[in-house]
PDB file of all heavy atoms in Angstrom:
ATOM      1  N   CYS A   1       0.820  -1.185   0.010  1.00  0.00           N
ATOM      2  CA  CYS A   1       0.017  -0.016  -0.011  1.00  0.00           C
ATOM      3  C   CYS A   1       0.839   1.259   0.015  1.00  0.00           C
ATOM      4  O   CYS A   1       1.977   1.291   0.539  1.00  0.00           O
ATOM      5  CB  CYS A   1      -0.937   0.038   1.203  1.00  0.00           C
ATOM      6  SG  CYS A   1      -2.111  -1.328   1.169  1.00  0.00           S
ATOM      7  N   LEU A   2       0.316   2.279  -0.626  1.00  0.00           N
ATOM      8  CA  LEU A   2       1.017   3.570  -0.593  1.00  0.00           C
ATOM      9  C   LEU A   2       0.303   4.556   0.371  1.00  0.00           C
ATOM     10  O   LEU A   2      -0.811   4.412   0.576  1.00  0.00           O
ATOM     11  CB  LEU A   2       0.886   4.202  -1.991  1.00  0.00           C
ATOM     12  CG  LEU A   2       1.529   3.414  -3.157  1.00  0.00           C
ATOM     13  CD1 LEU A   2       1.112   4.052  -4.442  1.00  0.00           C
ATOM     14  CD2 LEU A   2       3.064   3.404  -3.040  1.00  0.00           C
ATOM     15  N   SER A   3       1.131   5.374   0.957  1.00  0.00           N
ATOM     16  CA  SER A   3       0.570   6.377   1.801  1.00  0.00           C
ATOM     17  C   SER A   3      -0.279   7.359   0.956  1.00  0.00           C
ATOM     18  O   SER A   3      -0.071   7.425  -0.233  1.00  0.00           O
ATOM     19  CB  SER A   3       1.688   7.190   2.521  1.00  0.00           C
ATOM     20  OG  SER A   3       2.354   7.915   1.584  1.00  0.00           O
ATOM     21  N   GLN A   4      -1.213   8.041   1.663  1.00  0.00           N
ATOM     22  CA  GLN A   4      -2.039   8.936   0.913  1.00  0.00           C
ATOM     23  C   GLN A   4      -1.196  10.031   0.252  1.00  0.00           C
ATOM     24  O   GLN A   4      -1.464  10.416  -0.929  1.00  0.00           O
ATOM     25  CB  GLN A   4      -2.974   9.637   1.965  1.00  0.00           C
ATOM     26  CG  GLN A   4      -4.302   8.932   2.101  1.00  0.00           C
ATOM     27  CD  GLN A   4      -5.312   9.796   2.846  1.00  0.00           C
ATOM     28  OE1 GLN A   4      -4.967  10.644   3.663  1.00  0.00           O
ATOM     29  NE2 GLN A   4      -6.562   9.617   2.531  1.00  0.00           N
ATOM     30  N   ARG A   5      -0.177  10.497   0.890  1.00  0.00           N
ATOM     31  CA  ARG A   5       0.647  11.591   0.274  1.00  0.00           C
ATOM     32  C   ARG A   5       1.342  11.012  -0.927  1.00  0.00           C
ATOM     33  O   ARG A   5       1.445  11.702  -1.913  1.00  0.00           O
ATOM     34  CB  ARG A   5       1.681  12.034   1.290  1.00  0.00           C
ATOM     35  CG  ARG A   5       2.619  13.139   0.801  1.00  0.00           C
ATOM     36  CD  ARG A   5       3.626  13.566   1.842  1.00  0.00           C
ATOM     37  NE  ARG A   5       2.947  14.036   3.087  1.00  0.00           N
ATOM     38  CZ  ARG A   5       3.580  14.416   4.173  1.00  0.00           C
ATOM     39  NH1 ARG A   5       4.909  14.380   4.194  1.00  0.00           N
ATOM     40  NH2 ARG A   5       2.991  14.850   5.220  1.00  0.00           N
ATOM     41  N   LEU A   6       1.857   9.845  -0.850  1.00  0.00           N
ATOM     42  CA  LEU A   6       2.516   9.232  -2.039  1.00  0.00           C
ATOM     43  C   LEU A   6       1.582   8.974  -3.141  1.00  0.00           C
ATOM     44  O   LEU A   6       1.939   9.208  -4.399  1.00  0.00           O
ATOM     45  CB  LEU A   6       3.227   7.890  -1.629  1.00  0.00           C
ATOM     46  CG  LEU A   6       4.176   7.271  -2.577  1.00  0.00           C
ATOM     47  CD1 LEU A   6       5.324   8.292  -2.953  1.00  0.00           C
ATOM     48  CD2 LEU A   6       4.812   6.057  -2.076  1.00  0.00           C
ATOM     49  N   GLN A   7       0.324   8.602  -2.894  1.00  0.00           N
ATOM     50  CA  GLN A   7      -0.634   8.387  -3.919  1.00  0.00           C
ATOM     51  C   GLN A   7      -0.962   9.680  -4.643  1.00  0.00           C
ATOM     52  O   GLN A   7      -1.046   9.688  -5.863  1.00  0.00           O
ATOM     53  CB  GLN A   7      -1.922   7.783  -3.319  1.00  0.00           C
ATOM     54  CG  GLN A   7      -1.790   6.334  -2.853  1.00  0.00           C
ATOM     55  CD  GLN A   7      -3.131   5.738  -2.504  1.00  0.00           C
ATOM     56  OE1 GLN A   7      -4.149   6.015  -3.144  1.00  0.00           O
ATOM     57  NE2 GLN A   7      -3.152   4.876  -1.519  1.00  0.00           N
ATOM     58  N   VAL A   8      -1.197  10.730  -3.914  1.00  0.00           N
ATOM     59  CA  VAL A   8      -1.522  12.016  -4.498  1.00  0.00           C
ATOM     60  C   VAL A   8      -0.367  12.514  -5.370  1.00  0.00           C
ATOM     61  O   VAL A   8      -0.535  12.967  -6.504  1.00  0.00           O
ATOM     62  CB  VAL A   8      -1.836  13.068  -3.425  1.00  0.00           C
ATOM     63  CG1 VAL A   8      -1.970  14.419  -3.994  1.00  0.00           C
ATOM     64  CG2 VAL A   8      -3.150  12.670  -2.663  1.00  0.00           C
ATOM     65  N   LYS A   9       0.864  12.384  -4.882  1.00  0.00           N
ATOM     66  CA  LYS A   9       2.071  12.809  -5.638  1.00  0.00           C
ATOM     67  C   LYS A   9       2.238  12.085  -6.902  1.00  0.00           C
ATOM     68  O   LYS A   9       2.522  12.591  -7.946  1.00  0.00           O
ATOM     69  CB  LYS A   9       3.318  12.692  -4.713  1.00  0.00           C
ATOM     70  CG  LYS A   9       4.509  13.220  -5.343  1.00  0.00           C
ATOM     71  CD  LYS A   9       5.720  13.064  -4.358  1.00  0.00           C
ATOM     72  CE  LYS A   9       7.021  13.527  -4.980  1.00  0.00           C
ATOM     73  NZ  LYS A   9       8.139  13.364  -4.085  1.00  0.00           N
ATOM     74  N   PHE A  10       2.047  10.730  -6.820  1.00  0.00           N
ATOM     75  CA  PHE A  10       2.241   9.835  -7.971  1.00  0.00           C
ATOM     76  C   PHE A  10       1.177  10.111  -8.979  1.00  0.00           C
ATOM     77  O   PHE A  10       1.482  10.160 -10.206  1.00  0.00           O
ATOM     78  CB  PHE A  10       2.210   8.434  -7.474  1.00  0.00           C
ATOM     79  CG  PHE A  10       2.753   7.400  -8.502  1.00  0.00           C
ATOM     80  CD1 PHE A  10       4.017   7.467  -8.928  1.00  0.00           C
ATOM     81  CD2 PHE A  10       1.841   6.459  -9.050  1.00  0.00           C
ATOM     82  CE1 PHE A  10       4.510   6.573  -9.875  1.00  0.00           C
ATOM     83  CE2 PHE A  10       2.300   5.569 -10.016  1.00  0.00           C
ATOM     84  CZ  PHE A  10       3.662   5.632 -10.422  1.00  0.00           C
ATOM     85  N   ARG A  11      -0.068  10.248  -8.571  1.00  0.00           N
ATOM     86  CA  ARG A  11      -1.179  10.494  -9.512  1.00  0.00           C
ATOM     87  C   ARG A  11      -0.961  11.830 -10.219  1.00  0.00           C
ATOM     88  O   ARG A  11      -1.208  11.944 -11.438  1.00  0.00           O
ATOM     89  CB  ARG A  11      -2.524  10.493  -8.819  1.00  0.00           C
ATOM     90  CG  ARG A  11      -3.034   9.101  -8.535  1.00  0.00           C
ATOM     91  CD  ARG A  11      -4.529   9.133  -8.327  1.00  0.00           C
ATOM     92  NE  ARG A  11      -5.075   7.811  -8.208  1.00  0.00           N
ATOM     93  CZ  ARG A  11      -5.330   7.170  -6.958  1.00  0.00           C
ATOM     94  NH1 ARG A  11      -5.068   7.799  -5.899  1.00  0.00           N
ATOM     95  NH2 ARG A  11      -5.762   5.925  -6.976  1.00  0.00           N
ATOM     96  N   ALA A  12      -0.493  12.850  -9.524  1.00  0.00           N
ATOM     97  CA  ALA A  12      -0.268  14.173 -10.106  1.00  0.00           C
ATOM     98  C   ALA A  12       0.788  14.049 -11.151  1.00  0.00           C
ATOM     99  O   ALA A  12       0.729  14.667 -12.231  1.00  0.00           O
ATOM    100  CB  ALA A  12       0.141  15.182  -9.035  1.00  0.00           C
ATOM    101  N   TYR A  13       1.858  13.278 -10.852  1.00  0.00           N
ATOM    102  CA  TYR A  13       2.955  13.122 -11.766  1.00  0.00           C
ATOM    103  C   TYR A  13       2.464  12.451 -13.085  1.00  0.00           C
ATOM    104  O   TYR A  13       2.818  12.932 -14.179  1.00  0.00           O
ATOM    105  CB  TYR A  13       4.053  12.286 -11.105  1.00  0.00           C
ATOM    106  CG  TYR A  13       5.195  11.915 -12.096  1.00  0.00           C
ATOM    107  CD1 TYR A  13       6.197  12.818 -12.382  1.00  0.00           C
ATOM    108  CD2 TYR A  13       5.241  10.655 -12.704  1.00  0.00           C
ATOM    109  CE1 TYR A  13       7.247  12.519 -13.249  1.00  0.00           C
ATOM    110  CE2 TYR A  13       6.257  10.338 -13.584  1.00  0.00           C
ATOM    111  CZ  TYR A  13       7.260  11.282 -13.846  1.00  0.00           C
ATOM    112  OH  TYR A  13       8.285  10.867 -14.660  1.00  0.00           O
ATOM    113  N   PHE A  14       1.690  11.374 -12.884  1.00  0.00           N
ATOM    114  CA  PHE A  14       1.251  10.668 -14.128  1.00  0.00           C
ATOM    115  C   PHE A  14       0.240  11.423 -14.899  1.00  0.00           C
ATOM    116  O   PHE A  14       0.110  11.270 -16.098  1.00  0.00           O
ATOM    117  CB  PHE A  14       0.762   9.299 -13.757  1.00  0.00           C
ATOM    118  CG  PHE A  14       1.774   8.214 -13.846  1.00  0.00           C
ATOM    119  CD1 PHE A  14       2.634   7.862 -12.852  1.00  0.00           C
ATOM    120  CD2 PHE A  14       2.032   7.586 -15.056  1.00  0.00           C
ATOM    121  CE1 PHE A  14       3.660   6.961 -12.966  1.00  0.00           C
ATOM    122  CE2 PHE A  14       3.070   6.640 -15.229  1.00  0.00           C
ATOM    123  CZ  PHE A  14       3.860   6.310 -14.189  1.00  0.00           C
ATOM    124  N   ALA A  15      -0.463  12.292 -14.224  1.00  0.00           N
ATOM    125  CA  ALA A  15      -1.465  13.128 -14.982  1.00  0.00           C
ATOM    126  C   ALA A  15      -0.698  14.072 -15.946  1.00  0.00           C
ATOM    127  O   ALA A  15      -1.155  14.271 -17.064  1.00  0.00           O
ATOM    128  CB  ALA A  15      -2.310  13.942 -14.037  1.00  0.00           C
ATOM    129  N   ILE A  16       0.447  14.555 -15.418  1.00  0.00           N
ATOM    130  CA  ILE A  16       1.262  15.447 -16.293  1.00  0.00           C
ATOM    131  C   ILE A  16       1.853  14.699 -17.414  1.00  0.00           C
ATOM    132  O   ILE A  16       1.797  15.129 -18.568  1.00  0.00           O
ATOM    133  CB  ILE A  16       2.364  16.122 -15.380  1.00  0.00           C
ATOM    134  CG1 ILE A  16       1.690  17.049 -14.405  1.00  0.00           C
ATOM    135  CG2 ILE A  16       3.341  16.914 -16.309  1.00  0.00           C
ATOM    136  CD1 ILE A  16       2.617  17.632 -13.361  1.00  0.00           C
ATOM    137  N   ILE A  17       2.485  13.568 -17.169  1.00  0.00           N
ATOM    138  CA  ILE A  17       3.189  12.822 -18.244  1.00  0.00           C
ATOM    139  C   ILE A  17       2.243  12.228 -19.212  1.00  0.00           C
ATOM    140  O   ILE A  17       2.644  12.059 -20.416  1.00  0.00           O
ATOM    141  CB  ILE A  17       4.142  11.712 -17.689  1.00  0.00           C
ATOM    142  CG1 ILE A  17       3.347  10.635 -16.936  1.00  0.00           C
ATOM    143  CG2 ILE A  17       5.174  12.296 -16.718  1.00  0.00           C
ATOM    144  CD1 ILE A  17       4.234   9.464 -16.537  1.00  0.00           C
ATOM    145  N   ILE A  18       1.013  11.917 -18.849  1.00  0.00           N
ATOM    146  CA  ILE A  18       0.058  11.444 -19.809  1.00  0.00           C
ATOM    147  C   ILE A  18      -0.278  12.519 -20.806  1.00  0.00           C
ATOM    148  O   ILE A  18      -0.452  12.285 -22.046  1.00  0.00           O
ATOM    149  CB  ILE A  18      -1.255  10.930 -19.118  1.00  0.00           C
ATOM    150  CG1 ILE A  18      -0.907   9.595 -18.484  1.00  0.00           C
ATOM    151  CG2 ILE A  18      -2.383  10.784 -20.146  1.00  0.00           C
ATOM    152  CD1 ILE A  18      -2.058   9.076 -17.552  1.00  0.00           C
ATOM    153  N   LEU A  19      -0.376  13.809 -20.330  1.00  0.00           N
ATOM    154  CA  LEU A  19      -0.575  14.865 -21.304  1.00  0.00           C
ATOM    155  C   LEU A  19       0.598  15.025 -22.265  1.00  0.00           C
ATOM    156  O   LEU A  19       0.399  15.281 -23.455  1.00  0.00           O
ATOM    157  CB  LEU A  19      -0.763  16.167 -20.505  1.00  0.00           C
ATOM    158  CG  LEU A  19      -2.032  16.328 -19.689  1.00  0.00           C
ATOM    159  CD1 LEU A  19      -2.016  17.609 -18.829  1.00  0.00           C
ATOM    160  CD2 LEU A  19      -3.281  16.302 -20.621  1.00  0.00           C
ATOM    161  N   ILE A  20       1.791  14.848 -21.773  1.00  0.00           N
ATOM    162  CA  ILE A  20       2.987  14.946 -22.621  1.00  0.00           C
ATOM    163  C   ILE A  20       3.008  13.789 -23.606  1.00  0.00           C
ATOM    164  O   ILE A  20       3.371  13.903 -24.770  1.00  0.00           O
ATOM    165  CB  ILE A  20       4.258  14.979 -21.759  1.00  0.00           C
ATOM    166  CG1 ILE A  20       4.315  16.158 -20.789  1.00  0.00           C
ATOM    167  CG2 ILE A  20       5.501  14.961 -22.656  1.00  0.00           C
ATOM    168  CD1 ILE A  20       5.444  16.131 -19.826  1.00  0.00           C
ATOM    169  N   ALA A  21       2.616  12.617 -23.061  1.00  0.00           N
ATOM    170  CA  ALA A  21       2.692  11.358 -23.924  1.00  0.00           C
ATOM    171  C   ALA A  21       1.806  11.463 -25.146  1.00  0.00           C
ATOM    172  O   ALA A  21       2.123  10.834 -26.170  1.00  0.00           O
ATOM    173  CB  ALA A  21       2.280  10.144 -23.057  1.00  0.00           C
ATOM    174  N   VAL A  22       0.770  12.219 -25.114  1.00  0.00           N
ATOM    175  CA  VAL A  22      -0.121  12.359 -26.240  1.00  0.00           C
ATOM    176  C   VAL A  22       0.622  12.937 -27.432  1.00  0.00           C
ATOM    177  O   VAL A  22       0.349  12.578 -28.624  1.00  0.00           O
ATOM    178  CB  VAL A  22      -1.302  13.299 -25.905  1.00  0.00           C
ATOM    179  CG1 VAL A  22      -2.153  13.561 -27.154  1.00  0.00           C
ATOM    180  CG2 VAL A  22      -2.196  12.676 -24.868  1.00  0.00           C
ATOM    181  N   GLN A  23       1.626  13.757 -27.196  1.00  0.00           N
ATOM    182  CA  GLN A  23       2.444  14.324 -28.174  1.00  0.00           C
ATOM    183  C   GLN A  23       3.487  13.388 -28.753  1.00  0.00           C
ATOM    184  O   GLN A  23       4.034  13.611 -29.877  1.00  0.00           O
ATOM    185  CB  GLN A  23       3.181  15.603 -27.692  1.00  0.00           C
ATOM    186  CG  GLN A  23       2.233  16.626 -27.101  1.00  0.00           C
ATOM    187  CD  GLN A  23       1.245  17.135 -28.081  1.00  0.00           C
ATOM    188  OE1 GLN A  23       1.535  17.344 -29.255  1.00  0.00           O
ATOM    189  NE2 GLN A  23      -0.043  17.326 -27.679  1.00  0.00           N
ATOM    190  N   LEU A  24       3.750  12.281 -27.979  1.00  0.00           N
ATOM    191  CA  LEU A  24       4.832  11.416 -28.386  1.00  0.00           C
ATOM    192  C   LEU A  24       4.379  10.073 -29.070  1.00  0.00           C
ATOM    193  O   LEU A  24       5.037   9.488 -29.857  1.00  0.00           O
ATOM    194  CB  LEU A  24       5.658  11.010 -27.119  1.00  0.00           C
ATOM    195  CG  LEU A  24       6.419  12.176 -26.443  1.00  0.00           C
ATOM    196  CD1 LEU A  24       7.116  11.628 -25.196  1.00  0.00           C
ATOM    197  CD2 LEU A  24       7.466  12.700 -27.466  1.00  0.00           C
ATOM    198  N   VAL A  25       3.178   9.624 -28.697  1.00  0.00           N
ATOM    199  CA  VAL A  25       2.714   8.333 -29.202  1.00  0.00           C
ATOM    200  C   VAL A  25       1.349   8.541 -29.815  1.00  0.00           C
ATOM    201  O   VAL A  25       0.491   9.258 -29.355  1.00  0.00           O
ATOM    202  CB  VAL A  25       2.654   7.254 -28.093  1.00  0.00           C
ATOM    203  CG1 VAL A  25       3.999   6.946 -27.634  1.00  0.00           C
ATOM    204  CG2 VAL A  25       1.698   7.642 -26.985  1.00  0.00           C
ATOM    205  N   GLN A  26       1.086   7.805 -30.910  1.00  0.00           N
ATOM    206  CA  GLN A  26      -0.211   7.824 -31.572  1.00  0.00           C
ATOM    207  C   GLN A  26      -0.621   6.324 -31.751  1.00  0.00           C
ATOM    208  O   GLN A  26       0.185   5.542 -32.178  1.00  0.00           O
ATOM    209  CB  GLN A  26      -0.139   8.516 -32.909  1.00  0.00           C
ATOM    210  CG  GLN A  26       0.298   9.945 -32.864  1.00  0.00           C
ATOM    211  CD  GLN A  26      -0.786  10.833 -32.183  1.00  0.00           C
ATOM    212  OE1 GLN A  26      -1.923  10.496 -32.193  1.00  0.00           O
ATOM    213  NE2 GLN A  26      -0.366  11.993 -31.668  1.00  0.00           N
ATOM    214  N   PRO A  27      -1.844   6.010 -31.477  1.00  0.00           N
ATOM    215  CA  PRO A  27      -2.282   4.602 -31.575  1.00  0.00           C
ATOM    216  C   PRO A  27      -2.086   4.015 -32.945  1.00  0.00           C
ATOM    217  O   PRO A  27      -1.910   2.894 -33.139  1.00  0.00           O
ATOM    218  CB  PRO A  27      -3.754   4.650 -31.208  1.00  0.00           C
ATOM    219  CG  PRO A  27      -3.973   5.893 -30.412  1.00  0.00           C
ATOM    220  CD  PRO A  27      -2.938   6.834 -30.948  1.00  0.00           C
ATOM    221  N   THR A  28      -2.214   4.920 -34.026  1.00  0.00           N
ATOM    222  CA  THR A  28      -2.149   4.390 -35.351  1.00  0.00           C
ATOM    223  C   THR A  28      -0.830   4.936 -36.100  1.00  0.00           C
ATOM    224  O   THR A  28      -0.848   5.058 -37.262  1.00  0.00           O
ATOM    225  CB  THR A  28      -3.387   4.825 -36.156  1.00  0.00           C
ATOM    226  OG1 THR A  28      -3.479   6.282 -36.144  1.00  0.00           O
ATOM    227  CG2 THR A  28      -4.607   4.225 -35.544  1.00  0.00           C
ATOM    228  N   MET A  29       0.141   5.212 -35.301  1.00  0.00           N
ATOM    229  CA  MET A  29       1.280   5.850 -35.859  1.00  0.00           C
ATOM    230  C   MET A  29       1.992   4.918 -36.927  1.00  0.00           C
ATOM    231  O   MET A  29       2.048   3.724 -36.791  1.00  0.00           O
ATOM    232  CB  MET A  29       2.295   6.267 -34.773  1.00  0.00           C
ATOM    233  CG  MET A  29       2.891   5.121 -34.019  1.00  0.00           C
ATOM    234  SD  MET A  29       3.955   5.700 -32.706  1.00  0.00           S
ATOM    235  CE  MET A  29       4.380   4.159 -31.895  1.00  0.00           C
TER     236      MET A  29
END
């Protein structure tokens, strides 16, 4: 299990990188 603080930090990080990832990968590239 992750602490609440770690969960919030990790989710925030992945929310940002997912936005960046849209520019890097395309499903039908």
